[in-house]
PDB file of N, CA and C in Angstrom:
ATOM      1  N   MET A   1     -15.604 -22.395  18.957  1.00  0.00           N
ATOM      2  CA  MET A   1     -14.780 -21.550  17.735  1.00  0.00           C
ATOM      3  C   MET A   1     -13.993 -22.421  17.487  1.00  0.00           C
ATOM      4  N   SER A   2     -13.184 -22.293  16.224  1.00  0.00           N
ATOM      5  CA  SER A   2     -12.243 -23.251  15.848  1.00  0.00           C
ATOM      6  C   SER A   2     -10.980 -22.812  16.451  1.00  0.00           C
ATOM      7  N   VAL A   3     -10.176 -24.082  16.348  1.00  0.00           N
ATOM      8  CA  VAL A   3      -8.560 -23.767  16.863  1.00  0.00           C
ATOM      9  C   VAL A   3      -7.710 -24.128  15.655  1.00  0.00           C
ATOM     10  N   ASP A   4      -8.402 -24.136  14.319  1.00  0.00           N
ATOM     11  CA  ASP A   4      -7.554 -24.113  13.288  1.00  0.00           C
ATOM     12  C   ASP A   4      -6.888 -22.956  13.009  1.00  0.00           C
ATOM     13  N   PRO A   5      -5.485 -22.710  12.896  1.00  0.00           N
ATOM     14  CA  PRO A   5      -4.921 -21.593  12.563  1.00  0.00           C
ATOM     15  C   PRO A   5      -5.299 -21.107  11.423  1.00  0.00           C
ATOM     16  N   ASN A   6      -5.722 -21.689  10.513  1.00  0.00           N
ATOM     17  CA  ASN A   6      -6.108 -21.196   9.118  1.00  0.00           C
ATOM     18  C   ASN A   6      -7.302 -20.333   9.130  1.00  0.00           C
ATOM     19  N   THR A   7      -8.156 -20.155  10.296  1.00  0.00           N
ATOM     20  CA  THR A   7      -9.428 -19.575  10.284  1.00  0.00           C
ATOM     21  C   THR A   7      -9.311 -18.237  10.833  1.00  0.00           C
ATOM     22  N   ARG A   8     -10.455 -17.573  10.697  1.00  0.00           N
ATOM     23  CA  ARG A   8     -10.501 -16.311  11.270  1.00  0.00           C
ATOM     24  C   ARG A   8     -10.774 -16.576  12.760  1.00  0.00           C
ATOM     25  N   GLY A   9     -11.765 -17.545  13.081  1.00  0.00           N
ATOM     26  CA  GLY A   9     -12.000 -17.789  14.361  1.00  0.00           C
ATOM     27  C   GLY A   9     -11.176 -18.146  15.441  1.00  0.00           C
ATOM     28  N   ASN A  10      -9.850 -18.779  14.992  1.00  0.00           N
ATOM     29  CA  ASN A  10      -8.657 -18.863  15.705  1.00  0.00           C
ATOM     30  C   ASN A  10      -7.945 -17.576  15.967  1.00  0.00           C
ATOM     31  N   ALA A  11      -7.921 -16.501  15.283  1.00  0.00           N
ATOM     32  CA  ALA A  11      -7.524 -15.303  15.291  1.00  0.00           C
ATOM     33  C   ALA A  11      -8.274 -14.571  16.387  1.00  0.00           C
ATOM     34  N   ASN A  12      -9.561 -14.591  16.051  1.00  0.00           N
ATOM     35  CA  ASN A  12     -10.665 -13.818  16.967  1.00  0.00           C
ATOM     36  C   ASN A  12     -10.296 -14.363  18.342  1.00  0.00           C
ATOM     37  N   LEU A  13     -10.360 -15.780  18.467  1.00  0.00           N
ATOM     38  CA  LEU A  13     -10.095 -16.251  20.013  1.00  0.00           C
ATOM     39  C   LEU A  13      -8.668 -15.755  20.448  1.00  0.00           C
ATOM     40  N   VAL A  14      -7.900 -15.635  19.939  1.00  0.00           N
ATOM     41  CA  VAL A  14      -6.606 -15.042  20.432  1.00  0.00           C
ATOM     42  C   VAL A  14      -6.799 -13.510  21.040  1.00  0.00           C
ATOM     43  N   TYR A  15      -7.627 -12.566  20.418  1.00  0.00           N
ATOM     44  CA  TYR A  15      -8.223 -11.087  20.655  1.00  0.00           C
ATOM     45  C   TYR A  15      -8.611 -11.650  21.991  1.00  0.00           C
ATOM     46  N   ILE A  16      -9.878 -12.514  22.196  1.00  0.00           N
ATOM     47  CA  ILE A  16     -10.577 -12.795  23.230  1.00  0.00           C
ATOM     48  C   ILE A  16      -9.670 -13.185  24.416  1.00  0.00           C
ATOM     49  N   LEU A  17      -8.770 -14.018  24.042  1.00  0.00           N
ATOM     50  CA  LEU A  17      -7.822 -14.392  25.254  1.00  0.00           C
ATOM     51  C   LEU A  17      -6.982 -13.280  25.872  1.00  0.00           C
ATOM     52  N   TYR A  18      -6.815 -12.536  25.007  1.00  0.00           N
ATOM     53  CA  TYR A  18      -6.145 -11.187  25.474  1.00  0.00           C
ATOM     54  C   TYR A  18      -6.784 -10.274  26.327  1.00  0.00           C
ATOM     55  N   LEU A  19      -8.244 -10.173  25.783  1.00  0.00           N
ATOM     56  CA  LEU A  19      -9.045  -9.476  26.668  1.00  0.00           C
ATOM     57  C   LEU A  19      -9.319 -10.078  28.097  1.00  0.00           C
ATOM     58  N   VAL A  20      -9.548 -11.294  27.888  1.00  0.00           N
ATOM     59  CA  VAL A  20      -9.694 -12.074  29.353  1.00  0.00           C
ATOM     60  C   VAL A  20      -8.370 -12.003  30.273  1.00  0.00           C
ATOM     61  N   ALA A  21      -7.407 -11.891  29.738  1.00  0.00           N
ATOM     62  CA  ALA A  21      -6.126 -11.776  30.314  1.00  0.00           C
ATOM     63  C   ALA A  21      -6.056 -10.692  31.254  1.00  0.00           C
ATOM     64  N   ILE A  22      -6.899  -9.606  31.096  1.00  0.00           N
ATOM     65  CA  ILE A  22      -7.142  -8.422  31.980  1.00  0.00           C
ATOM     66  C   ILE A  22      -7.425  -8.714  33.501  1.00  0.00           C
ATOM     67  N   VAL A  23      -8.118  -9.854  33.488  1.00  0.00           N
ATOM     68  CA  VAL A  23      -8.681 -10.558  34.773  1.00  0.00           C
ATOM     69  C   VAL A  23      -7.915 -11.747  35.006  1.00  0.00           C
ATOM     70  N   VAL A  24      -7.586 -12.596  34.244  1.00  0.00           N
ATOM     71  CA  VAL A  24      -6.795 -13.862  34.340  1.00  0.00           C
ATOM     72  C   VAL A  24      -5.869 -13.776  33.417  1.00  0.00           C
ATOM     73  N   GLY A  25      -4.789 -13.370  33.969  1.00  0.00           N
ATOM     74  CA  GLY A  25      -3.535 -13.129  33.192  1.00  0.00           C
ATOM     75  C   GLY A  25      -2.885 -14.360  32.306  1.00  0.00           C
ATOM     76  N   ILE A  26      -3.190 -15.625  32.840  1.00  0.00           N
ATOM     77  CA  ILE A  26      -2.451 -16.610  31.962  1.00  0.00           C
ATOM     78  C   ILE A  26      -2.970 -16.802  30.585  1.00  0.00           C
ATOM     79  N   THR A  27      -4.296 -16.260  30.389  1.00  0.00           N
ATOM     80  CA  THR A  27      -4.766 -16.482  29.230  1.00  0.00           C
ATOM     81  C   THR A  27      -4.055 -15.767  27.831  1.00  0.00           C
ATOM     82  N   SER A  28      -3.349 -14.595  28.219  1.00  0.00           N
ATOM     83  CA  SER A  28      -2.592 -13.987  27.269  1.00  0.00           C
ATOM     84  C   SER A  28      -1.575 -14.761  26.639  1.00  0.00           C
ATOM     85  N   ILE A  29      -0.834 -15.692  27.647  1.00  0.00           N
ATOM     86  CA  ILE A  29       0.361 -16.580  27.323  1.00  0.00           C
ATOM     87  C   ILE A  29      -0.313 -17.633  26.189  1.00  0.00           C
ATOM     88  N   ILE A  30      -1.479 -18.086  26.687  1.00  0.00           N
ATOM     89  CA  ILE A  30      -2.149 -19.021  25.674  1.00  0.00           C
ATOM     90  C   ILE A  30      -2.235 -18.282  24.338  1.00  0.00           C
ATOM     91  N   GLY A  31      -2.874 -17.166  24.516  1.00  0.00           N
ATOM     92  CA  GLY A  31      -3.078 -16.490  23.025  1.00  0.00           C
ATOM     93  C   GLY A  31      -1.794 -16.373  22.254  1.00  0.00           C
ATOM     94  N   LEU A  32      -0.760 -15.732  22.943  1.00  0.00           N
ATOM     95  CA  LEU A  32       0.464 -15.595  22.302  1.00  0.00           C
ATOM     96  C   LEU A  32       0.925 -16.999  21.598  1.00  0.00           C
ATOM     97  N   VAL A  33       0.775 -18.224  22.361  1.00  0.00           N
ATOM     98  CA  VAL A  33       1.264 -19.365  21.822  1.00  0.00           C
ATOM     99  C   VAL A  33       0.503 -19.775  20.542  1.00  0.00           C
ATOM    100  N   MET A  34      -0.702 -19.481  20.597  1.00  0.00           N
ATOM    101  CA  MET A  34      -1.611 -19.624  19.641  1.00  0.00           C
ATOM    102  C   MET A  34      -1.559 -18.899  18.424  1.00  0.00           C
ATOM    103  N   ALA A  35      -0.910 -17.504  18.635  1.00  0.00           N
ATOM    104  CA  ALA A  35      -0.692 -16.489  17.450  1.00  0.00           C
ATOM    105  C   ALA A  35       0.668 -16.987  16.841  1.00  0.00           C
ATOM    106  N   TYR A  36       1.745 -17.355  17.533  1.00  0.00           N
ATOM    107  CA  TYR A  36       2.938 -17.906  17.211  1.00  0.00           C
ATOM    108  C   TYR A  36       2.593 -19.143  16.319  1.00  0.00           C
ATOM    109  N   LEU A  37       1.777 -20.157  16.638  1.00  0.00           N
ATOM    110  CA  LEU A  37       1.427 -21.202  15.856  1.00  0.00           C
ATOM    111  C   LEU A  37       0.628 -20.988  14.477  1.00  0.00           C
ATOM    112  N   GLY A  38      -0.213 -20.017  14.531  1.00  0.00           N
ATOM    113  CA  GLY A  38      -0.952 -19.576  13.484  1.00  0.00           C
ATOM    114  C   GLY A  38      -0.115 -18.931  12.497  1.00  0.00           C
ATOM    115  N   LYS A  39       0.876 -18.064  12.706  1.00  0.00           N
ATOM    116  CA  LYS A  39       1.769 -17.390  11.946  1.00  0.00           C
ATOM    117  C   LYS A  39       2.453 -18.308  10.846  1.00  0.00           C
ATOM    118  N   GLY A  40       2.079 -17.905   9.744  1.00  0.00           N
ATOM    119  CA  GLY A  40       2.723 -18.433   8.559  1.00  0.00           C
ATOM    120  C   GLY A  40       1.920 -19.654   8.035  1.00  0.00           C
ATOM    121  N   GLN A  41       0.837 -19.745   8.650  1.00  0.00           N
ATOM    122  CA  GLN A  41      -0.111 -20.823   8.100  1.00  0.00           C
ATOM    123  C   GLN A  41      -1.291 -20.456   7.520  1.00  0.00           C
ATOM    124  N   GLY A  42      -1.772 -19.097   7.351  1.00  0.00           N
ATOM    125  CA  GLY A  42      -3.096 -18.710   7.040  1.00  0.00           C
ATOM    126  C   GLY A  42      -2.709 -17.732   5.953  1.00  0.00           C
ATOM    127  N   ASP A  43      -3.762 -17.000   5.334  1.00  0.00           N
ATOM    128  CA  ASP A  43      -3.794 -16.258   4.256  1.00  0.00           C
ATOM    129  C   ASP A  43      -3.195 -14.701   4.642  1.00  0.00           C
ATOM    130  N   ALA A  44      -2.897 -14.025   4.044  1.00  0.00           N
ATOM    131  CA  ALA A  44      -2.436 -12.433   3.978  1.00  0.00           C
ATOM    132  C   ALA A  44      -3.073 -11.785   5.320  1.00  0.00           C
ATOM    133  N   LEU A  45      -4.356 -12.126   5.399  1.00  0.00           N
ATOM    134  CA  LEU A  45      -5.174 -11.360   6.312  1.00  0.00           C
ATOM    135  C   LEU A  45      -4.888 -11.852   7.761  1.00  0.00           C
ATOM    136  N   LEU A  46      -4.910 -13.070   8.005  1.00  0.00           N
ATOM    137  CA  LEU A  46      -4.727 -13.781   9.110  1.00  0.00           C
ATOM    138  C   LEU A  46      -3.176 -13.669   9.555  1.00  0.00           C
ATOM    139  N   GLU A  47      -2.239 -13.514   8.661  1.00  0.00           N
ATOM    140  CA  GLU A  47      -0.769 -13.331   8.868  1.00  0.00           C
ATOM    141  C   GLU A  47      -0.632 -11.853   9.633  1.00  0.00           C
ATOM    142  N   ASN A  48      -1.318 -10.909   9.031  1.00  0.00           N
ATOM    143  CA  ASN A  48      -1.407  -9.545   9.370  1.00  0.00           C
ATOM    144  C   ASN A  48      -2.047  -9.463  11.058  1.00  0.00           C
ATOM    145  N   HIS A  49      -2.925 -10.127  11.088  1.00  0.00           N
ATOM    146  CA  HIS A  49      -3.552 -10.164  12.649  1.00  0.00           C
ATOM    147  C   HIS A  49      -2.660 -11.040  13.624  1.00  0.00           C
ATOM    148  N   TYR A  50      -2.203 -12.076  13.060  1.00  0.00           N
ATOM    149  CA  TYR A  50      -1.077 -12.866  14.157  1.00  0.00           C
ATOM    150  C   TYR A  50      -0.043 -11.789  14.366  1.00  0.00           C
ATOM    151  N   ASN A  51       0.571 -11.011  13.551  1.00  0.00           N
ATOM    152  CA  ASN A  51       1.679 -10.367  13.686  1.00  0.00           C
ATOM    153  C   ASN A  51       1.113  -9.102  14.642  1.00  0.00           C
ATOM    154  N   ASN A  52      -0.003  -8.644  14.593  1.00  0.00           N
ATOM    155  CA  ASN A  52      -0.675  -7.713  15.368  1.00  0.00           C
ATOM    156  C   ASN A  52      -0.643  -8.176  16.745  1.00  0.00           C
ATOM    157  N   GLN A  53      -1.230  -9.355  16.983  1.00  0.00           N
ATOM    158  CA  GLN A  53      -1.418 -10.021  18.143  1.00  0.00           C
ATOM    159  C   GLN A  53       0.057 -10.094  18.902  1.00  0.00           C
ATOM    160  N   ILE A  54       0.866 -10.775  18.259  1.00  0.00           N
ATOM    161  CA  ILE A  54       2.185 -10.896  18.682  1.00  0.00           C
ATOM    162  C   ILE A  54       2.786  -9.672  19.325  1.00  0.00           C
ATOM    163  N   ASN A  55       2.773  -8.597  18.459  1.00  0.00           N
ATOM    164  CA  ASN A  55       3.115  -7.412  18.842  1.00  0.00           C
ATOM    165  C   ASN A  55       2.415  -6.752  20.168  1.00  0.00           C
ATOM    166  N   ILE A  56       1.127  -6.870  20.108  1.00  0.00           N
ATOM    167  CA  ILE A  56       0.147  -6.404  21.315  1.00  0.00           C
ATOM    168  C   ILE A  56       0.795  -7.081  22.482  1.00  0.00           C
ATOM    169  N   PHE A  57       1.110  -8.484  22.481  1.00  0.00           N
ATOM    170  CA  PHE A  57       1.522  -9.076  23.866  1.00  0.00           C
ATOM    171  C   PHE A  57       2.934  -8.557  24.280  1.00  0.00           C
ATOM    172  N   TRP A  58       3.882  -8.549  23.136  1.00  0.00           N
ATOM    173  CA  TRP A  58       5.380  -8.033  23.747  1.00  0.00           C
ATOM    174  C   TRP A  58       5.283  -6.523  24.182  1.00  0.00           C
ATOM    175  N   LYS A  59       4.857  -5.659  23.354  1.00  0.00           N
ATOM    176  CA  LYS A  59       4.844  -4.130  23.571  1.00  0.00           C
ATOM    177  C   LYS A  59       3.873  -3.970  24.895  1.00  0.00           C
ATOM    178  N   GLY A  60       2.683  -4.682  25.115  1.00  0.00           N
ATOM    179  CA  GLY A  60       1.964  -4.592  26.396  1.00  0.00           C
ATOM    180  C   GLY A  60       2.671  -5.165  27.548  1.00  0.00           C
ATOM    181  N   LEU A  61       3.621  -6.028  27.570  1.00  0.00           N
ATOM    182  CA  LEU A  61       4.435  -6.545  28.585  1.00  0.00           C
ATOM    183  C   LEU A  61       5.302  -5.423  28.794  1.00  0.00           C
ATOM    184  N   LEU A  62       6.045  -4.934  27.727  1.00  0.00           N
ATOM    185  CA  LEU A  62       6.959  -3.813  27.821  1.00  0.00           C
ATOM    186  C   LEU A  62       6.326  -2.826  28.751  1.00  0.00           C
ATOM    187  N   TYR A  63       5.291  -2.201  28.338  1.00  0.00           N
ATOM    188  CA  TYR A  63       4.656  -1.058  28.922  1.00  0.00           C
ATOM    189  C   TYR A  63       4.357  -1.374  30.167  1.00  0.00           C
ATOM    190  N   SER A  64       3.790  -2.763  30.524  1.00  0.00           N
ATOM    191  CA  SER A  64       3.465  -3.013  32.060  1.00  0.00           C
ATOM    192  C   SER A  64       4.884  -3.224  33.060  1.00  0.00           C
ATOM    193  N   VAL A  65       5.884  -3.717  32.309  1.00  0.00           N
ATOM    194  CA  VAL A  65       7.164  -3.651  33.175  1.00  0.00           C
ATOM    195  C   VAL A  65       7.672  -2.208  33.436  1.00  0.00           C
ATOM    196  N   ILE A  66       7.627  -1.277  32.567  1.00  0.00           N
ATOM    197  CA  ILE A  66       7.997   0.054  32.556  1.00  0.00           C
ATOM    198  C   ILE A  66       7.040   0.755  33.787  1.00  0.00           C
ATOM    199  N   SER A  67       5.733   0.422  33.450  1.00  0.00           N
ATOM    200  CA  SER A  67       4.858   1.175  34.635  1.00  0.00           C
ATOM    201  C   SER A  67       5.162   0.607  36.077  1.00  0.00           C
ATOM    202  N   VAL A  68       5.544  -0.681  36.255  1.00  0.00           N
ATOM    203  CA  VAL A  68       6.072  -1.294  37.488  1.00  0.00           C
ATOM    204  C   VAL A  68       7.250  -0.601  38.150  1.00  0.00           C
ATOM    205  N   ILE A  69       8.283  -0.237  37.076  1.00  0.00           N
ATOM    206  CA  ILE A  69       9.322   0.309  37.658  1.00  0.00           C
ATOM    207  C   ILE A  69       9.075   1.876  37.922  1.00  0.00           C
ATOM    208  N   LEU A  70       8.219   2.242  37.427  1.00  0.00           N
ATOM    209  CA  LEU A  70       7.946   3.890  37.436  1.00  0.00           C
ATOM    210  C   LEU A  70       6.948   4.014  38.734  1.00  0.00           C
ATOM    211  N   ILE A  71       6.393   3.074  39.571  1.00  0.00           N
ATOM    212  CA  ILE A  71       5.465   3.278  40.535  1.00  0.00           C
ATOM    213  C   ILE A  71       6.170   3.888  41.753  1.00  0.00           C
ATOM    214  N   PRO A  72       7.318   3.711  42.186  1.00  0.00           N
ATOM    215  CA  PRO A  72       8.009   4.548  43.235  1.00  0.00           C
ATOM    216  C   PRO A  72       8.162   5.822  42.933  1.00  0.00           C
ATOM    217  N   ILE A  73       8.152   6.421  41.715  1.00  0.00           N
ATOM    218  CA  ILE A  73       8.364   7.992  41.410  1.00  0.00           C
ATOM    219  C   ILE A  73       6.996   8.544  41.385  1.00  0.00           C
ATOM    220  N   LEU A  74       6.511   9.072  42.590  1.00  0.00           N
ATOM    221  CA  LEU A  74       5.307   9.739  42.920  1.00  0.00           C
ATOM    222  C   LEU A  74       4.082   9.291  42.061  1.00  0.00           C
ATOM    223  N   GLY A  75       4.158   7.967  42.005  1.00  0.00           N
ATOM    224  CA  GLY A  75       2.983   7.131  41.607  1.00  0.00           C
ATOM    225  C   GLY A  75       2.868   7.253  40.026  1.00  0.00           C
ATOM    226  N   LEU A  76       3.890   7.670  39.263  1.00  0.00           N
ATOM    227  CA  LEU A  76       3.877   7.944  37.878  1.00  0.00           C
ATOM    228  C   LEU A  76       3.617   6.469  37.300  1.00  0.00           C
ATOM    229  N   GLY A  77       4.014   5.379  38.025  1.00  0.00           N
ATOM    230  CA  GLY A  77       3.714   4.008  37.326  1.00  0.00           C
ATOM    231  C   GLY A  77       2.141   3.853  37.165  1.00  0.00           C
ATOM    232  N   ILE A  78       1.187   4.251  38.256  1.00  0.00           N
ATOM    233  CA  ILE A  78      -0.015   4.020  38.302  1.00  0.00           C
ATOM    234  C   ILE A  78      -0.766   4.606  36.761  1.00  0.00           C
ATOM    235  N   LEU A  79      -0.111   5.938  36.570  1.00  0.00           N
ATOM    236  CA  LEU A  79      -0.686   6.521  35.438  1.00  0.00           C
ATOM    237  C   LEU A  79      -0.217   6.005  34.212  1.00  0.00           C
ATOM    238  N   THR A  80       0.973   5.537  33.988  1.00  0.00           N
ATOM    239  CA  THR A  80       1.538   4.933  32.782  1.00  0.00           C
ATOM    240  C   THR A  80       0.804   3.275  32.708  1.00  0.00           C
ATOM    241  N   GLY A  81       0.490   2.725  33.851  1.00  0.00           N
ATOM    242  CA  GLY A  81      -0.023   1.483  33.876  1.00  0.00           C
ATOM    243  C   GLY A  81      -1.688   1.470  33.314  1.00  0.00           C
ATOM    244  N   LEU A  82      -2.083   2.579  33.642  1.00  0.00           N
ATOM    245  CA  LEU A  82      -3.588   2.874  33.171  1.00  0.00           C
ATOM    246  C   LEU A  82      -3.462   3.241  31.714  1.00  0.00           C
ATOM    247  N   ALA A  83      -2.556   4.027  31.225  1.00  0.00           N
ATOM    248  CA  ALA A  83      -2.318   4.256  29.866  1.00  0.00           C
ATOM    249  C   ALA A  83      -1.922   3.001  29.004  1.00  0.00           C
ATOM    250  N   ALA A  84      -1.355   2.052  29.571  1.00  0.00           N
ATOM    251  CA  ALA A  84      -0.909   0.696  29.052  1.00  0.00           C
ATOM    252  C   ALA A  84      -1.956  -0.090  28.917  1.00  0.00           C
ATOM    253  N   LEU A  85      -2.876  -0.011  29.812  1.00  0.00           N
ATOM    254  CA  LEU A  85      -4.250  -0.898  29.777  1.00  0.00           C
ATOM    255  C   LEU A  85      -5.182  -0.268  28.996  1.00  0.00           C
ATOM    256  N   VAL A  86      -5.217   0.986  28.652  1.00  0.00           N
ATOM    257  CA  VAL A  86      -6.242   1.302  27.475  1.00  0.00           C
ATOM    258  C   VAL A  86      -5.705   1.253  26.120  1.00  0.00           C
ATOM    259  N   TRP A  87      -4.193   1.339  26.081  1.00  0.00           N
ATOM    260  CA  TRP A  87      -3.531   1.076  24.770  1.00  0.00           C
ATOM    261  C   TRP A  87      -3.969  -0.496  24.470  1.00  0.00           C
ATOM    262  N   TYR A  88      -3.783  -1.368  25.474  1.00  0.00           N
ATOM    263  CA  TYR A  88      -3.899  -2.691  25.273  1.00  0.00           C
ATOM    264  C   TYR A  88      -5.275  -3.227  24.813  1.00  0.00           C
ATOM    265  N   ILE A  89      -6.160  -2.568  25.694  1.00  0.00           N
ATOM    266  CA  ILE A  89      -7.889  -2.686  25.297  1.00  0.00           C
ATOM    267  C   ILE A  89      -7.968  -2.197  23.848  1.00  0.00           C
ATOM    268  N   VAL A  90      -7.638  -1.005  23.455  1.00  0.00           N
ATOM    269  CA  VAL A  90      -7.857  -0.477  22.109  1.00  0.00           C
ATOM    270  C   VAL A  90      -7.353  -1.158  21.115  1.00  0.00           C
ATOM    271  N   ARG A  91      -6.307  -1.738  21.226  1.00  0.00           N
ATOM    272  CA  ARG A  91      -5.457  -2.706  20.259  1.00  0.00           C
ATOM    273  C   ARG A  91      -6.240  -4.025  19.991  1.00  0.00           C
ATOM    274  N   CYS A  92      -6.728  -4.424  21.007  1.00  0.00           N
ATOM    275  CA  CYS A  92      -7.359  -5.439  20.844  1.00  0.00           C
ATOM    276  C   CYS A  92      -8.809  -5.449  20.106  1.00  0.00           C
ATOM    277  N   VAL A  93      -9.477  -4.383  20.697  1.00  0.00           N
ATOM    278  CA  VAL A  93     -10.933  -4.101  20.172  1.00  0.00           C
ATOM    279  C   VAL A  93     -10.655  -3.920  18.606  1.00  0.00           C
ATOM    280  N   LYS A  94      -9.744  -3.055  18.391  1.00  0.00           N
ATOM    281  CA  LYS A  94      -9.604  -2.709  16.880  1.00  0.00           C
ATOM    282  C   LYS A  94      -9.180  -3.805  16.068  1.00  0.00           C
ATOM    283  N   GLY A  95      -8.404  -4.731  16.716  1.00  0.00           N
ATOM    284  CA  GLY A  95      -8.077  -5.917  15.929  1.00  0.00           C
ATOM    285  C   GLY A  95      -9.243  -6.727  15.632  1.00  0.00           C
ATOM    286  N   MET A  96     -10.134  -6.909  16.736  1.00  0.00           N
ATOM    287  CA  MET A  96     -11.278  -7.737  16.472  1.00  0.00           C
ATOM    288  C   MET A  96     -12.332  -7.100  15.495  1.00  0.00           C
ATOM    289  N   GLN A  97     -12.387  -5.760  15.488  1.00  0.00           N
ATOM    290  CA  GLN A  97     -13.346  -5.058  14.385  1.00  0.00           C
ATOM    291  C   GLN A  97     -12.647  -5.264  12.979  1.00  0.00           C
ATOM    292  N   SER A  98     -11.380  -5.196  12.935  1.00  0.00           N
ATOM    293  CA  SER A  98     -10.896  -5.198  11.498  1.00  0.00           C
ATOM    294  C   SER A  98     -11.003  -6.724  10.995  1.00  0.00           C
ATOM    295  N   LEU A  99     -10.629  -7.701  12.019  1.00  0.00           N
ATOM    296  CA  LEU A  99     -10.829  -9.166  11.777  1.00  0.00           C
ATOM    297  C   LEU A  99     -12.389  -9.282  11.112  1.00  0.00           C
ATOM    298  N   SER A 100     -13.183  -8.743  11.903  1.00  0.00           N
ATOM    299  CA  SER A 100     -14.522  -9.326  11.657  1.00  0.00           C
ATOM    300  C   SER A 100     -15.025  -8.419  10.287  1.00  0.00           C
ATOM    301  N   ALA A 101     -14.488  -7.427   9.725  1.00  0.00           N
ATOM    302  CA  ALA A 101     -14.741  -6.728   8.810  1.00  0.00           C
ATOM    303  C   ALA A 101     -14.016  -7.333   7.401  1.00  0.00           C
ATOM    304  N   GLY A 102     -13.056  -8.359   7.732  1.00  0.00           N
ATOM    305  CA  GLY A 102     -12.245  -8.629   6.828  1.00  0.00           C
ATOM    306  C   GLY A 102     -11.053  -7.885   6.296  1.00  0.00           C
ATOM    307  N   GLN A 103     -10.707  -7.231   7.217  1.00  0.00           N
ATOM    308  CA  GLN A 103      -9.586  -5.976   6.966  1.00  0.00           C
ATOM    309  C   GLN A 103      -8.372  -6.389   7.421  1.00  0.00           C
ATOM    310  N   PRO A 104      -7.398  -6.115   7.060  1.00  0.00           N
ATOM    311  CA  PRO A 104      -5.902  -6.076   7.753  1.00  0.00           C
ATOM    312  C   PRO A 104      -5.671  -4.835   8.602  1.00  0.00           C
ATOM    313  N   ILE A 105      -4.926  -4.887   9.621  1.00  0.00           N
ATOM    314  CA  ILE A 105      -4.376  -3.836  10.400  1.00  0.00           C
ATOM    315  C   ILE A 105      -3.520  -3.094   9.824  1.00  0.00           C
ATOM    316  N   ASP A 106      -3.755  -1.684   9.636  1.00  0.00           N
ATOM    317  CA  ASP A 106      -3.009  -0.810   8.945  1.00  0.00           C
ATOM    318  C   ASP A 106      -1.437  -0.843   9.291  1.00  0.00           C
ATOM    319  N   ASN A 107      -1.164  -0.910  10.526  1.00  0.00           N
ATOM    320  CA  ASN A 107       0.466  -0.904  10.875  1.00  0.00           C
ATOM    321  C   ASN A 107       0.459  -1.748  12.088  1.00  0.00           C
ATOM    322  N   PRO A 108       0.497  -3.091  11.842  1.00  0.00           N
ATOM    323  CA  PRO A 108       0.474  -4.173  13.283  1.00  0.00           C
ATOM    324  C   PRO A 108       1.741  -4.053  14.030  1.00  0.00           C
ATOM    325  N   GLY A 109       2.775  -3.359  13.523  1.00  0.00           N
ATOM    326  CA  GLY A 109       4.013  -2.908  14.209  1.00  0.00           C
ATOM    327  C   GLY A 109       4.016  -1.734  14.949  1.00  0.00           C
ATOM    328  N   SER A 110       3.035  -0.961  14.766  1.00  0.00           N
ATOM    329  CA  SER A 110       2.785   0.495  15.511  1.00  0.00           C
ATOM    330  C   SER A 110       3.116   0.302  17.069  1.00  0.00           C
ATOM    331  N   TRP A 111       3.706   1.449  17.637  1.00  0.00           N
ATOM    332  CA  TRP A 111       3.763   1.253  19.175  1.00  0.00           C
ATOM    333  C   TRP A 111       2.597   2.139  19.630  1.00  0.00           C
ATOM    334  N   LEU A 112       1.712   2.839  18.870  1.00  0.00           N
ATOM    335  CA  LEU A 112       0.881   3.378  19.330  1.00  0.00           C
ATOM    336  C   LEU A 112      -0.759   2.602  18.885  1.00  0.00           C
ATOM    337  N   PHE A 113      -1.590   3.434  18.834  1.00  0.00           N
ATOM    338  CA  PHE A 113      -2.956   3.094  18.674  1.00  0.00           C
ATOM    339  C   PHE A 113      -3.095   2.458  17.024  1.00  0.00           C
TER     340      PHE A 113
END
């Protein structure tokens, strides 16, 4: 795959790194750096996906921190953690599908799906 931020391959690689981060956490940080480096260098479609990827990282981190804080409250953190994981996976997969179809994400700043 290409690492040129002006290509879809780079944006797709960021989504892949995010999904791999479920097992190997550090790859999400690499993906975030790549998204920030690519932002402002591609066409409108890539810009849309880079914005989506940046939002996925920061909102996913926020959801994860909230889940950890809620663990002592009757295990509520486990449920919110699972919900955050599902949210994270769905956002990444939807992003990959939209990117491969050449379509932008409808609302990259959304807090939901």
